[in-house]
Amino acid sequence: MKKLLKLEEFFLFGLALFLFSGLDYGWGWYALLFFAPDLSMLGYLANPRLGAWTYNLIHHKGLSVVLYALGALLSIPWLMFAGTFLLGHSSLDRVLGYGLKHEDAFQNTHLGMIEG
């Protein structure tokens, strides 16, 4: 089942790249900002509960869909950029095994424990 879920996430990453390619932004921006959503981990400096909350908010696919949809409906390209960017980042994270976090520890995700 994990392989099937990772394959699904891989295709969502591809969708994000496809949607991004239709925007008027250079690929350098995508590469430069790729790890920016991981700044949401800084909440863990306060405590695991806040860290999980901030990480999950930024890595939730619903946020990326809402941002992209609002951008498309309101003709705001930077919102579409943010939506495709967050979708791509979150999807690739999940391909690599980094899921949404439980409140007890960063390593405890909805995909299982992160080993290493």
N, C-alpha and C. Protein backbone atom coordinates (compact mmCIF):
# COMPACT_ATOMS: atom_id res chain seq x y z
N MET A 1 0.82 -1.19 0.00
CA MET A 1 0.00 0.00 0.00
C MET A 1 0.87 1.27 0.00
N LYS A 2 1.99 1.23 0.75
CA LYS A 2 2.86 2.41 0.80
C LYS A 2 3.37 2.78 -0.58
N LYS A 3 3.71 1.77 -1.39
CA LYS A 3 4.21 2.05 -2.74
C LYS A 3 3.13 2.71 -3.59
N LEU A 4 1.90 2.25 -3.43
CA LEU A 4 0.79 2.83 -4.18
C LEU A 4 0.56 4.29 -3.78
N LEU A 5 0.63 4.57 -2.48
CA LEU A 5 0.47 5.94 -2.00
C LEU A 5 1.61 6.83 -2.50
N LYS A 6 2.82 6.30 -2.49
CA LYS A 6 3.96 7.07 -2.99
C LYS A 6 3.83 7.34 -4.48
N LEU A 7 3.31 6.38 -5.23
CA LEU A 7 3.10 6.58 -6.66
C LEU A 7 2.05 7.67 -6.89
N GLU A 8 1.00 7.65 -6.10
CA GLU A 8 -0.02 8.68 -6.20
C GLU A 8 0.58 10.07 -5.93
N GLU A 9 1.39 10.16 -4.90
CA GLU A 9 2.04 11.43 -4.57
C GLU A 9 3.00 11.87 -5.66
N PHE A 10 3.68 10.91 -6.28
CA PHE A 10 4.58 11.23 -7.39
C PHE A 10 3.81 11.87 -8.54
N PHE A 11 2.63 11.33 -8.84
CA PHE A 11 1.82 11.91 -9.91
C PHE A 11 1.28 13.28 -9.52
N LEU A 12 0.97 13.49 -8.26
CA LEU A 12 0.55 14.82 -7.81
C LEU A 12 1.71 15.82 -7.92
N PHE A 13 2.92 15.36 -7.65
CA PHE A 13 4.10 16.21 -7.85
C PHE A 13 4.21 16.59 -9.33
N GLY A 14 4.00 15.62 -10.21
CA GLY A 14 4.01 15.89 -11.65
C GLY A 14 2.92 16.88 -12.05
N LEU A 15 1.74 16.75 -11.46
CA LEU A 15 0.65 17.69 -11.73
C LEU A 15 1.06 19.10 -11.30
N ALA A 16 1.67 19.21 -10.15
CA ALA A 16 2.12 20.52 -9.67
C ALA A 16 3.12 21.14 -10.64
N LEU A 17 4.05 20.34 -11.12
CA LEU A 17 5.03 20.84 -12.09
C LEU A 17 4.36 21.26 -13.39
N PHE A 18 3.38 20.48 -13.82
CA PHE A 18 2.63 20.82 -15.04
C PHE A 18 1.89 22.14 -14.86
N LEU A 19 1.20 22.30 -13.73
CA LEU A 19 0.48 23.54 -13.48
C LEU A 19 1.44 24.72 -13.38
N PHE A 20 2.57 24.50 -12.74
CA PHE A 20 3.57 25.56 -12.61
C PHE A 20 4.10 25.99 -13.97
N SER A 21 4.27 25.03 -14.87
CA SER A 21 4.81 25.34 -16.20
C SER A 21 3.89 26.28 -16.98
N GLY A 22 2.63 26.33 -16.62
CA GLY A 22 1.69 27.23 -17.29
C GLY A 22 1.70 28.64 -16.73
N LEU A 23 2.45 28.85 -15.67
CA LEU A 23 2.54 30.18 -15.06
C LEU A 23 3.73 30.93 -15.63
N ASP A 24 3.73 32.22 -15.43
CA ASP A 24 4.79 33.06 -15.99
C ASP A 24 5.90 33.31 -14.96
N TYR A 25 6.39 32.23 -14.39
CA TYR A 25 7.49 32.31 -13.42
C TYR A 25 8.60 31.39 -13.89
N GLY A 26 9.82 31.81 -13.67
CA GLY A 26 10.96 30.98 -14.05
C GLY A 26 11.14 29.82 -13.09
N TRP A 27 11.73 28.75 -13.61
CA TRP A 27 11.98 27.56 -12.79
C TRP A 27 12.99 27.84 -11.68
N GLY A 28 13.77 28.87 -11.84
CA GLY A 28 14.71 29.25 -10.79
C GLY A 28 14.01 29.60 -9.49
N TRP A 29 12.84 30.24 -9.60
CA TRP A 29 12.06 30.56 -8.40
C TRP A 29 11.62 29.29 -7.69
N TYR A 30 11.20 28.31 -8.47
CA TYR A 30 10.75 27.04 -7.89
C TYR A 30 11.90 26.38 -7.12
N ALA A 31 13.06 26.36 -7.75
CA ALA A 31 14.23 25.74 -7.12
C ALA A 31 14.69 26.53 -5.89
N LEU A 32 14.71 27.85 -6.02
CA LEU A 32 15.18 28.70 -4.93
C LEU A 32 14.32 28.57 -3.68
N LEU A 33 13.02 28.48 -3.87
CA LEU A 33 12.09 28.45 -2.74
C LEU A 33 11.68 27.05 -2.30
N PHE A 34 12.26 26.03 -2.94
CA PHE A 34 11.76 24.67 -2.71
C PHE A 34 11.69 24.26 -1.24
N PHE A 35 12.65 24.63 -0.45
CA PHE A 35 12.66 24.20 0.95
C PHE A 35 12.02 25.21 1.89
N ALA A 36 11.52 26.33 1.36
CA ALA A 36 10.90 27.36 2.21
C ALA A 36 9.76 26.82 3.08
N PRO A 37 8.88 25.94 2.58
CA PRO A 37 7.81 25.44 3.44
C PRO A 37 8.33 24.69 4.68
N ASP A 38 9.55 24.20 4.61
CA ASP A 38 10.10 23.48 5.76
C ASP A 38 10.47 24.41 6.91
N LEU A 39 10.45 25.71 6.66
CA LEU A 39 10.63 26.66 7.76
C LEU A 39 9.52 26.52 8.79
N SER A 40 8.41 25.91 8.37
CA SER A 40 7.31 25.67 9.31
C SER A 40 7.72 24.73 10.44
N MET A 41 8.84 24.04 10.28
CA MET A 41 9.35 23.17 11.35
C MET A 41 9.87 23.97 12.54
N LEU A 42 10.07 25.27 12.35
CA LEU A 42 10.60 26.09 13.44
C LEU A 42 9.68 26.08 14.65
N GLY A 43 8.41 25.76 14.45
CA GLY A 43 7.49 25.64 15.58
C GLY A 43 7.94 24.59 16.58
N TYR A 44 8.71 23.62 16.12
CA TYR A 44 9.22 22.58 17.03
C TYR A 44 10.20 23.15 18.04
N LEU A 45 10.75 24.33 17.78
CA LEU A 45 11.64 24.95 18.77
C LEU A 45 10.88 25.32 20.03
N ALA A 46 9.58 25.62 19.88
CA ALA A 46 8.75 25.93 21.05
C ALA A 46 8.30 24.65 21.74
N ASN A 47 7.66 23.76 20.96
CA ASN A 47 7.22 22.47 21.49
C ASN A 47 6.67 21.62 20.35
N PRO A 48 6.56 20.30 20.56
CA PRO A 48 6.11 19.41 19.48
C PRO A 48 4.68 19.71 19.00
N ARG A 49 3.82 20.15 19.89
CA ARG A 49 2.44 20.42 19.48
C ARG A 49 2.38 21.60 18.50
N LEU A 50 3.07 22.68 18.84
CA LEU A 50 3.09 23.84 17.94
C LEU A 50 3.81 23.48 16.64
N GLY A 51 4.89 22.73 16.75
CA GLY A 51 5.62 22.31 15.56
C GLY A 51 4.76 21.50 14.61
N ALA A 52 4.01 20.56 15.16
CA ALA A 52 3.13 19.74 14.33
C ALA A 52 2.05 20.61 13.68
N TRP A 53 1.50 21.54 14.44
CA TRP A 53 0.44 22.40 13.92
C TRP A 53 0.95 23.26 12.76
N THR A 54 2.10 23.92 12.94
CA THR A 54 2.61 24.79 11.88
C THR A 54 3.05 23.97 10.66
N TYR A 55 3.70 22.85 10.90
CA TYR A 55 4.13 21.99 9.79
C TYR A 55 2.92 21.49 9.01
N ASN A 56 1.91 20.98 9.72
CA ASN A 56 0.74 20.41 9.06
C ASN A 56 -0.06 21.47 8.30
N LEU A 57 -0.14 22.68 8.83
CA LEU A 57 -0.85 23.74 8.13
C LEU A 57 -0.22 24.01 6.77
N ILE A 58 1.08 24.19 6.75
CA ILE A 58 1.78 24.53 5.51
C ILE A 58 1.85 23.35 4.55
N HIS A 59 1.89 22.13 5.06
CA HIS A 59 2.02 20.95 4.21
C HIS A 59 0.68 20.27 3.90
N HIS A 60 -0.42 20.89 4.28
CA HIS A 60 -1.74 20.32 4.01
C HIS A 60 -2.12 20.62 2.55
N LYS A 61 -2.52 19.60 1.84
CA LYS A 61 -2.85 19.77 0.42
C LYS A 61 -4.06 20.68 0.22
N GLY A 62 -4.95 20.71 1.20
CA GLY A 62 -6.11 21.59 1.10
C GLY A 62 -5.70 23.05 0.95
N LEU A 63 -4.66 23.46 1.66
CA LEU A 63 -4.16 24.83 1.56
C LEU A 63 -3.67 25.11 0.14
N SER A 64 -2.95 24.18 -0.43
CA SER A 64 -2.43 24.40 -1.79
C SER A 64 -3.57 24.50 -2.80
N VAL A 65 -4.60 23.68 -2.64
CA VAL A 65 -5.73 23.72 -3.56
C VAL A 65 -6.49 25.04 -3.42
N VAL A 66 -6.72 25.48 -2.18
CA VAL A 66 -7.43 26.75 -1.96
C VAL A 66 -6.65 27.92 -2.55
N LEU A 67 -5.34 27.94 -2.31
CA LEU A 67 -4.53 29.03 -2.85
C LEU A 67 -4.56 29.05 -4.38
N TYR A 68 -4.39 27.88 -4.99
CA TYR A 68 -4.41 27.83 -6.45
C TYR A 68 -5.78 28.25 -6.99
N ALA A 69 -6.85 27.72 -6.39
CA ALA A 69 -8.20 28.04 -6.86
C ALA A 69 -8.50 29.53 -6.72
N LEU A 70 -8.15 30.11 -5.59
CA LEU A 70 -8.36 31.55 -5.41
C LEU A 70 -7.57 32.34 -6.44
N GLY A 71 -6.34 31.93 -6.66
CA GLY A 71 -5.52 32.61 -7.66
C GLY A 71 -6.13 32.53 -9.05
N ALA A 72 -6.65 31.36 -9.41
CA ALA A 72 -7.26 31.19 -10.72
C ALA A 72 -8.56 31.99 -10.83
N LEU A 73 -9.39 31.94 -9.80
CA LEU A 73 -10.67 32.65 -9.82
C LEU A 73 -10.51 34.16 -9.82
N LEU A 74 -9.52 34.64 -9.08
CA LEU A 74 -9.33 36.08 -8.93
C LEU A 74 -8.23 36.63 -9.85
N SER A 75 -7.68 35.78 -10.69
CA SER A 75 -6.58 36.16 -11.60
C SER A 75 -5.41 36.78 -10.84
N ILE A 76 -4.97 36.06 -9.81
CA ILE A 76 -3.82 36.50 -9.02
C ILE A 76 -2.72 35.44 -9.19
N PRO A 77 -1.80 35.69 -10.11
CA PRO A 77 -0.79 34.67 -10.43
C PRO A 77 0.05 34.21 -9.25
N TRP A 78 0.40 35.10 -8.33
CA TRP A 78 1.26 34.68 -7.22
C TRP A 78 0.55 33.70 -6.29
N LEU A 79 -0.79 33.76 -6.22
CA LEU A 79 -1.52 32.76 -5.44
C LEU A 79 -1.50 31.41 -6.15
N MET A 80 -1.59 31.44 -7.47
CA MET A 80 -1.49 30.20 -8.24
C MET A 80 -0.09 29.61 -8.07
N PHE A 81 0.92 30.47 -8.09
CA PHE A 81 2.29 30.02 -7.85
C PHE A 81 2.39 29.35 -6.48
N ALA A 82 1.87 30.00 -5.45
CA ALA A 82 1.93 29.44 -4.10
C ALA A 82 1.22 28.10 -4.02
N GLY A 83 0.07 27.99 -4.66
CA GLY A 83 -0.68 26.74 -4.64
C GLY A 83 0.06 25.60 -5.32
N THR A 84 0.59 25.86 -6.51
CA THR A 84 1.31 24.79 -7.22
C THR A 84 2.60 24.44 -6.49
N PHE A 85 3.24 25.45 -5.96
CA PHE A 85 4.50 25.25 -5.25
C PHE A 85 4.29 24.39 -4.00
N LEU A 86 3.28 24.74 -3.19
CA LEU A 86 3.02 23.96 -1.97
C LEU A 86 2.56 22.54 -2.30
N LEU A 87 1.76 22.39 -3.35
CA LEU A 87 1.34 21.05 -3.76
C LEU A 87 2.54 20.21 -4.15
N GLY A 88 3.43 20.78 -4.94
CA GLY A 88 4.62 20.05 -5.37
C GLY A 88 5.52 19.69 -4.21
N HIS A 89 5.76 20.64 -3.33
CA HIS A 89 6.63 20.40 -2.18
C HIS A 89 6.04 19.30 -1.28
N SER A 90 4.77 19.44 -0.95
CA SER A 90 4.13 18.46 -0.05
C SER A 90 4.08 17.08 -0.67
N SER A 91 3.81 17.03 -1.96
CA SER A 91 3.75 15.72 -2.64
C SER A 91 5.10 15.04 -2.66
N LEU A 92 6.15 15.79 -2.97
CA LEU A 92 7.49 15.19 -2.98
C LEU A 92 7.90 14.77 -1.57
N ASP A 93 7.56 15.58 -0.57
CA ASP A 93 7.81 15.18 0.82
C ASP A 93 7.21 13.81 1.10
N ARG A 94 5.99 13.61 0.66
CA ARG A 94 5.29 12.35 0.95
C ARG A 94 5.88 11.20 0.15
N VAL A 95 6.37 11.47 -1.05
CA VAL A 95 7.08 10.42 -1.80
C VAL A 95 8.29 9.96 -1.00
N LEU A 96 8.94 10.90 -0.33
CA LEU A 96 10.14 10.60 0.45
C LEU A 96 9.82 10.08 1.85
N GLY A 97 8.53 9.98 2.19
CA GLY A 97 8.13 9.41 3.47
C GLY A 97 7.86 10.41 4.57
N TYR A 98 7.88 11.70 4.25
CA TYR A 98 7.61 12.73 5.25
C TYR A 98 6.15 13.14 5.18
N GLY A 99 5.35 12.61 6.09
CA GLY A 99 3.93 12.90 6.09
C GLY A 99 3.56 13.98 7.08
N LEU A 100 2.27 14.17 7.24
CA LEU A 100 1.77 15.10 8.25
C LEU A 100 2.13 14.57 9.63
N LYS A 101 2.37 15.48 10.54
CA LYS A 101 2.95 15.10 11.84
C LYS A 101 1.89 14.90 12.92
N HIS A 102 2.16 13.91 13.78
CA HIS A 102 1.40 13.77 15.02
C HIS A 102 2.04 14.71 16.04
N GLU A 103 1.32 15.00 17.11
CA GLU A 103 1.78 16.00 18.06
C GLU A 103 2.87 15.52 19.01
N ASP A 104 3.16 14.23 19.04
CA ASP A 104 4.13 13.74 20.02
C ASP A 104 5.58 13.88 19.58
N ALA A 105 5.84 13.75 18.27
CA ALA A 105 7.23 13.82 17.79
C ALA A 105 7.25 14.06 16.29
N PHE A 106 8.28 14.75 15.82
CA PHE A 106 8.42 15.04 14.40
C PHE A 106 8.47 13.76 13.57
N GLN A 107 9.10 12.73 14.09
CA GLN A 107 9.28 11.48 13.35
C GLN A 107 7.98 10.68 13.20
N ASN A 108 6.95 10.99 13.99
CA ASN A 108 5.70 10.25 13.95
C ASN A 108 4.75 10.93 12.97
N THR A 109 4.56 10.30 11.79
CA THR A 109 3.73 10.90 10.74
C THR A 109 2.55 10.01 10.40
N HIS A 110 1.64 10.56 9.62
CA HIS A 110 0.49 9.77 9.19
C HIS A 110 0.90 8.64 8.24
N LEU A 111 2.13 8.67 7.76
CA LEU A 111 2.65 7.60 6.91
C LEU A 111 3.44 6.56 7.69
N GLY A 112 3.59 6.80 8.99
CA GLY A 112 4.39 5.92 9.83
C GLY A 112 5.59 6.68 10.39
N MET A 113 6.44 5.97 11.08
CA MET A 113 7.61 6.60 11.69
C MET A 113 8.69 6.86 10.64
N ILE A 114 9.32 8.02 10.74
CA ILE A 114 10.47 8.34 9.89
C ILE A 114 11.68 7.67 10.52
N GLU A 115 12.36 6.87 9.74
CA GLU A 115 13.54 6.17 10.27
C GLU A 115 14.79 6.95 9.92
N GLY A 116 15.77 6.87 10.79
CA GLY A 116 17.02 7.51 10.47
C GLY A 116 17.56 8.32 11.53
